[in-house]
Amino acid sequence: MAASGLLGDVTTTAPGGAGHDGVRIRPAERADLLAVARIERESFTQPWPFQAFEGFLGQAGFLVAEAGTGVAGYVVADTVPQGGRRVGHVKDIAVHPDWRGRGLGTRLLDRALGVLEARGVDMAKLEVRQSNETAIELYRRFGFEPRHLVTEYYADGEAAAVLAVELDERWRPFG
């Protein structure tokens, strides 16, 4: 099934501000890559290179949140083999600074986990800076729990917390 058929397009409403800003979560396209790379550079001290995003084009778990002004956020998730099973891996997620605090990260993560579940994955994992309390709180709302710590994961020496969640009804914050 094509990525767009699997995902479809969903229009959601961004909370906050005057009125409602329509946001559409959809598969990433080549035309989105410059905006995605800009958001990545604004969000992380160790940003992915442009080419990394190119490699995920066409994969069901590379989604963007499109707002009236362009790309407002993105998520990259795929599956990896682990111990004889396929595990979902949320590799990257970021929201443009102008869109933070409006629930867009929540909607992107929800959609990515739904894509993984639709692909037959029953567990998802991710790595997050140990100091990134905002992200860790988001992941906890989805049921992610700490599994272990990877010391000196990041170039600056900071550790990464590895979090995982079983994809069943408990991960759905809206269900």
C-alpha atoms as a PDB file:
ATOM      1  CA  MET A   1       0.000   0.000   0.000  1.00  0.00           C
ATOM      2  CA  ALA A   2       1.351   3.454  -0.801  1.00  0.00           C
ATOM      3  CA  ALA A   3       2.271   5.682   2.100  1.00  0.00           C
ATOM      4  CA  SER A   4      -0.470   8.154   1.299  1.00  0.00           C
ATOM      5  CA  GLY A   5      -3.025   5.360   1.170  1.00  0.00           C
ATOM      6  CA  LEU A   6      -1.888   4.027   4.520  1.00  0.00           C
ATOM      7  CA  LEU A   7      -1.850   7.421   6.172  1.00  0.00           C
ATOM      8  CA  GLY A   8      -4.439   9.497   4.402  1.00  0.00           C
ATOM      9  CA  ASP A   9      -4.561  13.198   5.118  1.00  0.00           C
ATOM     10  CA  VAL A  10      -5.970  14.507   8.357  1.00  0.00           C
ATOM     11  CA  THR A  11      -6.745  18.114   9.126  1.00  0.00           C
ATOM     12  CA  THR A  12      -6.592  18.993  12.777  1.00  0.00           C
ATOM     13  CA  THR A  13      -6.958  22.229  14.627  1.00  0.00           C
ATOM     14  CA  ALA A  14      -4.059  23.831  16.460  1.00  0.00           C
ATOM     15  CA  PRO A  15      -5.206  25.081  19.847  1.00  0.00           C
ATOM     16  CA  GLY A  16      -4.273  28.501  21.133  1.00  0.00           C
ATOM     17  CA  GLY A  17      -4.179  31.920  19.561  1.00  0.00           C
ATOM     18  CA  ALA A  18      -7.089  33.794  18.065  1.00  0.00           C
ATOM     19  CA  GLY A  19      -9.295  31.570  15.939  1.00  0.00           C
ATOM     20  CA  HIS A  20      -8.228  28.176  14.634  1.00  0.00           C
ATOM     21  CA  ASP A  21      -5.147  27.402  12.568  1.00  0.00           C
ATOM     22  CA  GLY A  22      -5.735  24.340  10.390  1.00  0.00           C
ATOM     23  CA  VAL A  23      -2.859  21.865  10.414  1.00  0.00           C
ATOM     24  CA  ARG A  24      -2.645  18.873   8.100  1.00  0.00           C
ATOM     25  CA  ILE A  25      -0.506  15.850   9.010  1.00  0.00           C
ATOM     26  CA  ARG A  26       0.668  14.146   5.819  1.00  0.00           C
ATOM     27  CA  PRO A  27       3.555  12.140   4.369  1.00  0.00           C
ATOM     28  CA  ALA A  28       6.696  14.193   3.787  1.00  0.00           C
ATOM     29  CA  GLU A  29       7.530  15.200   0.217  1.00  0.00           C
ATOM     30  CA  ARG A  30      10.793  16.302  -1.385  1.00  0.00           C
ATOM     31  CA  ALA A  31       9.534  19.912  -1.388  1.00  0.00           C
ATOM     32  CA  ASP A  32       9.335  19.781   2.434  1.00  0.00           C
ATOM     33  CA  LEU A  33      12.984  18.883   3.019  1.00  0.00           C
ATOM     34  CA  LEU A  34      14.430  22.399   3.253  1.00  0.00           C
ATOM     35  CA  ALA A  35      11.840  23.409   5.843  1.00  0.00           C
ATOM     36  CA  VAL A  36      12.371  20.163   7.769  1.00  0.00           C
ATOM     37  CA  ALA A  37      16.153  20.718   7.771  1.00  0.00           C
ATOM     38  CA  ARG A  38      15.664  24.303   9.021  1.00  0.00           C
ATOM     39  CA  ILE A  39      13.432  23.155  11.880  1.00  0.00           C
ATOM     40  CA  GLU A  40      15.999  20.467  12.709  1.00  0.00           C
ATOM     41  CA  ARG A  41      18.821  23.034  12.911  1.00  0.00           C
ATOM     42  CA  GLU A  42      16.708  25.351  15.084  1.00  0.00           C
ATOM     43  CA  SER A  43      15.760  22.495  17.414  1.00  0.00           C
ATOM     44  CA  PHE A  44      18.913  20.478  18.043  1.00  0.00           C
ATOM     45  CA  THR A  45      22.566  21.114  18.852  1.00  0.00           C
ATOM     46  CA  GLN A  46      23.435  17.994  16.821  1.00  0.00           C
ATOM     47  CA  PRO A  47      21.088  18.314  13.823  1.00  0.00           C
ATOM     48  CA  TRP A  48      20.685  15.574  11.248  1.00  0.00           C
ATOM     49  CA  PRO A  49      22.163  16.427   7.859  1.00  0.00           C
ATOM     50  CA  PHE A  50      19.816  17.156   4.962  1.00  0.00           C
ATOM     51  CA  GLN A  51      20.767  13.832   3.336  1.00  0.00           C
ATOM     52  CA  ALA A  52      19.469  11.874   6.319  1.00  0.00           C
ATOM     53  CA  PHE A  53      15.971  13.188   5.687  1.00  0.00           C
ATOM     54  CA  GLU A  54      16.277  12.440   1.968  1.00  0.00           C
ATOM     55  CA  GLY A  55      16.872   8.800   2.885  1.00  0.00           C
ATOM     56  CA  PHE A  56      13.511   8.583   4.650  1.00  0.00           C
ATOM     57  CA  LEU A  57      11.422  10.065   1.808  1.00  0.00           C
ATOM     58  CA  GLY A  58       8.668   7.700   0.769  1.00  0.00           C
ATOM     59  CA  GLN A  59       8.634   5.864   4.097  1.00  0.00           C
ATOM     60  CA  ALA A  60       5.306   5.762   5.884  1.00  0.00           C
ATOM     61  CA  GLY A  61       6.713   7.080   9.153  1.00  0.00           C
ATOM     62  CA  PHE A  62       8.161  10.331   7.755  1.00  0.00           C
ATOM     63  CA  LEU A  63       5.334  12.784   8.360  1.00  0.00           C
ATOM     64  CA  VAL A  64       5.067  16.563   8.336  1.00  0.00           C
ATOM     65  CA  ALA A  65       2.591  18.914   9.931  1.00  0.00           C
ATOM     66  CA  GLU A  66       1.640  21.420   7.264  1.00  0.00           C
ATOM     67  CA  ALA A  67       0.269  24.750   8.421  1.00  0.00           C
ATOM     68  CA  GLY A  68      -0.898  27.659   6.316  1.00  0.00           C
ATOM     69  CA  THR A  69       2.632  29.061   6.413  1.00  0.00           C
ATOM     70  CA  GLY A  70       4.360  25.805   5.460  1.00  0.00           C
ATOM     71  CA  VAL A  71       5.883  22.957   7.438  1.00  0.00           C
ATOM     72  CA  ALA A  72       5.374  23.462  11.170  1.00  0.00           C
ATOM     73  CA  GLY A  73       6.849  20.169  12.385  1.00  0.00           C
ATOM     74  CA  TYR A  74       7.824  16.638  11.442  1.00  0.00           C
ATOM     75  CA  VAL A  75       8.433  13.152  12.769  1.00  0.00           C
ATOM     76  CA  VAL A  76      10.565  10.303  11.442  1.00  0.00           C
ATOM     77  CA  ALA A  77       9.716   6.779  12.596  1.00  0.00           C
ATOM     78  CA  ASP A  78      10.519   3.383  11.130  1.00  0.00           C
ATOM     79  CA  THR A  79      10.924  -0.239  12.128  1.00  0.00           C
ATOM     80  CA  VAL A  80      14.101  -2.000  13.175  1.00  0.00           C
ATOM     81  CA  PRO A  81      14.799  -5.656  13.952  1.00  0.00           C
ATOM     82  CA  GLN A  82      15.463  -6.326  17.622  1.00  0.00           C
ATOM     83  CA  GLY A  83      15.682  -9.718  19.258  1.00  0.00           C
ATOM     84  CA  GLY A  84      13.734 -11.472  16.520  1.00  0.00           C
ATOM     85  CA  ARG A  85      10.885  -8.964  16.384  1.00  0.00           C
ATOM     86  CA  ARG A  86      10.206  -5.733  14.516  1.00  0.00           C
ATOM     87  CA  VAL A  87      10.274  -2.755  16.834  1.00  0.00           C
ATOM     88  CA  GLY A  88       9.147   0.752  16.000  1.00  0.00           C
ATOM     89  CA  HIS A  89      11.787   3.437  16.363  1.00  0.00           C
ATOM     90  CA  VAL A  90      10.875   7.104  16.662  1.00  0.00           C
ATOM     91  CA  LYS A  91      14.097   8.565  15.309  1.00  0.00           C
ATOM     92  CA  ASP A  92      13.395  12.291  15.206  1.00  0.00           C
ATOM     93  CA  ILE A  93      10.584  14.700  16.015  1.00  0.00           C
ATOM     94  CA  ALA A  94      10.592  18.494  16.123  1.00  0.00           C
ATOM     95  CA  VAL A  95       8.211  21.428  15.959  1.00  0.00           C
ATOM     96  CA  HIS A  96       9.029  24.882  14.626  1.00  0.00           C
ATOM     97  CA  PRO A  97       9.552  27.329  17.532  1.00  0.00           C
ATOM     98  CA  ASP A  98       6.514  29.382  16.450  1.00  0.00           C
ATOM     99  CA  TRP A  99       4.286  26.304  16.797  1.00  0.00           C
ATOM    100  CA  ARG A 100       5.541  24.880  20.082  1.00  0.00           C
ATOM    101  CA  GLY A 101       3.115  24.581  22.970  1.00  0.00           C
ATOM    102  CA  ARG A 102       0.086  24.042  20.721  1.00  0.00           C
ATOM    103  CA  GLY A 103      -0.101  20.243  20.815  1.00  0.00           C
ATOM    104  CA  LEU A 104       1.532  19.694  17.447  1.00  0.00           C
ATOM    105  CA  GLY A 105       4.217  17.359  18.831  1.00  0.00           C
ATOM    106  CA  THR A 106       1.466  15.304  20.441  1.00  0.00           C
ATOM    107  CA  ARG A 107      -0.415  14.963  17.143  1.00  0.00           C
ATOM    108  CA  LEU A 108       2.747  14.081  15.210  1.00  0.00           C
ATOM    109  CA  LEU A 109       3.767  11.421  17.722  1.00  0.00           C
ATOM    110  CA  ASP A 110       0.231  10.011  17.842  1.00  0.00           C
ATOM    111  CA  ARG A 111       0.165   9.686  14.045  1.00  0.00           C
ATOM    112  CA  ALA A 112       3.644   8.139  13.896  1.00  0.00           C
ATOM    113  CA  LEU A 113       2.754   5.524  16.512  1.00  0.00           C
ATOM    114  CA  GLY A 114      -0.450   4.778  14.599  1.00  0.00           C
ATOM    115  CA  VAL A 115       1.586   4.221  11.427  1.00  0.00           C
ATOM    116  CA  LEU A 116       3.933   1.871  13.284  1.00  0.00           C
ATOM    117  CA  GLU A 117       1.028  -0.048  14.765  1.00  0.00           C
ATOM    118  CA  ALA A 118      -0.603  -0.355  11.332  1.00  0.00           C
ATOM    119  CA  ARG A 119       2.663  -1.891  10.088  1.00  0.00           C
ATOM    120  CA  GLY A 120       2.366  -4.667  12.681  1.00  0.00           C
ATOM    121  CA  VAL A 121       4.708  -3.244  15.295  1.00  0.00           C
ATOM    122  CA  ASP A 122       3.705  -3.873  18.903  1.00  0.00           C
ATOM    123  CA  MET A 123       6.479  -1.926  20.660  1.00  0.00           C
ATOM    124  CA  ALA A 124       8.147   1.419  19.941  1.00  0.00           C
ATOM    125  CA  LYS A 125      11.313   2.926  21.354  1.00  0.00           C
ATOM    126  CA  LEU A 126      13.215   6.190  21.163  1.00  0.00           C
ATOM    127  CA  GLU A 127      16.239   7.961  22.565  1.00  0.00           C
ATOM    128  CA  VAL A 128      15.997  11.361  24.225  1.00  0.00           C
ATOM    129  CA  ARG A 129      18.488  13.641  25.949  1.00  0.00           C
ATOM    130  CA  GLN A 130      18.355  12.950  29.652  1.00  0.00           C
ATOM    131  CA  SER A 131      17.926  16.703  30.258  1.00  0.00           C
ATOM    132  CA  ASN A 132      15.040  17.212  27.783  1.00  0.00           C
ATOM    133  CA  GLU A 133      12.243  17.288  30.345  1.00  0.00           C
ATOM    134  CA  THR A 134       9.663  18.692  27.912  1.00  0.00           C
ATOM    135  CA  ALA A 135      10.127  15.810  25.477  1.00  0.00           C
ATOM    136  CA  ILE A 136      10.260  13.212  28.244  1.00  0.00           C
ATOM    137  CA  GLU A 137       6.938  14.504  29.610  1.00  0.00           C
ATOM    138  CA  LEU A 138       5.364  14.196  26.137  1.00  0.00           C
ATOM    139  CA  TYR A 139       6.615  10.615  25.805  1.00  0.00           C
ATOM    140  CA  ARG A 140       5.364   9.694  29.284  1.00  0.00           C
ATOM    141  CA  ARG A 141       1.864  10.869  28.334  1.00  0.00           C
ATOM    142  CA  PHE A 142       1.979   8.222  25.598  1.00  0.00           C
ATOM    143  CA  GLY A 143       3.052   5.527  28.056  1.00  0.00           C
ATOM    144  CA  PHE A 144       6.761   5.466  27.215  1.00  0.00           C
ATOM    145  CA  GLU A 145       8.796   4.160  30.131  1.00  0.00           C
ATOM    146  CA  PRO A 146      12.561   4.283  30.742  1.00  0.00           C
ATOM    147  CA  ARG A 147      14.423   1.129  29.749  1.00  0.00           C
ATOM    148  CA  HIS A 148      18.058   2.140  30.183  1.00  0.00           C
ATOM    149  CA  LEU A 149      20.573   4.955  29.856  1.00  0.00           C
ATOM    150  CA  VAL A 150      23.218   5.202  27.142  1.00  0.00           C
ATOM    151  CA  THR A 151      26.125   7.193  28.525  1.00  0.00           C
ATOM    152  CA  GLU A 152      27.865   9.731  26.298  1.00  0.00           C
ATOM    153  CA  TYR A 153      25.302   9.184  23.525  1.00  0.00           C
ATOM    154  CA  TYR A 154      25.537  12.772  22.313  1.00  0.00           C
ATOM    155  CA  ALA A 155      28.717  14.482  21.080  1.00  0.00           C
ATOM    156  CA  ASP A 156      28.704  16.825  24.085  1.00  0.00           C
ATOM    157  CA  GLY A 157      28.837  13.800  26.406  1.00  0.00           C
ATOM    158  CA  GLU A 158      25.227  13.872  27.574  1.00  0.00           C
ATOM    159  CA  ALA A 159      23.476  10.558  28.127  1.00  0.00           C
ATOM    160  CA  ALA A 160      20.376   9.443  26.268  1.00  0.00           C
ATOM    161  CA  ALA A 161      17.447   7.841  28.030  1.00  0.00           C
ATOM    162  CA  VAL A 162      16.028   4.951  26.004  1.00  0.00           C
ATOM    163  CA  LEU A 163      12.253   4.877  26.422  1.00  0.00           C
ATOM    164  CA  ALA A 164       9.812   2.267  25.125  1.00  0.00           C
ATOM    165  CA  VAL A 165       6.083   1.668  24.984  1.00  0.00           C
ATOM    166  CA  GLU A 166       3.973  -1.355  24.122  1.00  0.00           C
ATOM    167  CA  LEU A 167       1.568  -0.300  21.382  1.00  0.00           C
ATOM    168  CA  ASP A 168      -1.787  -1.239  22.774  1.00  0.00           C
ATOM    169  CA  GLU A 169      -4.724   0.858  23.837  1.00  0.00           C
ATOM    170  CA  ARG A 170      -2.851   2.485  26.736  1.00  0.00           C
ATOM    171  CA  TRP A 171      -0.565   4.534  24.478  1.00  0.00           C
ATOM    172  CA  ARG A 172      -3.457   6.423  22.959  1.00  0.00           C
ATOM    173  CA  PRO A 173      -3.771   9.736  24.822  1.00  0.00           C
ATOM    174  CA  PHE A 174      -7.005  10.560  22.987  1.00  0.00           C
ATOM    175  CA  GLY A 175      -8.709   7.167  23.023  1.00  0.00           C
END
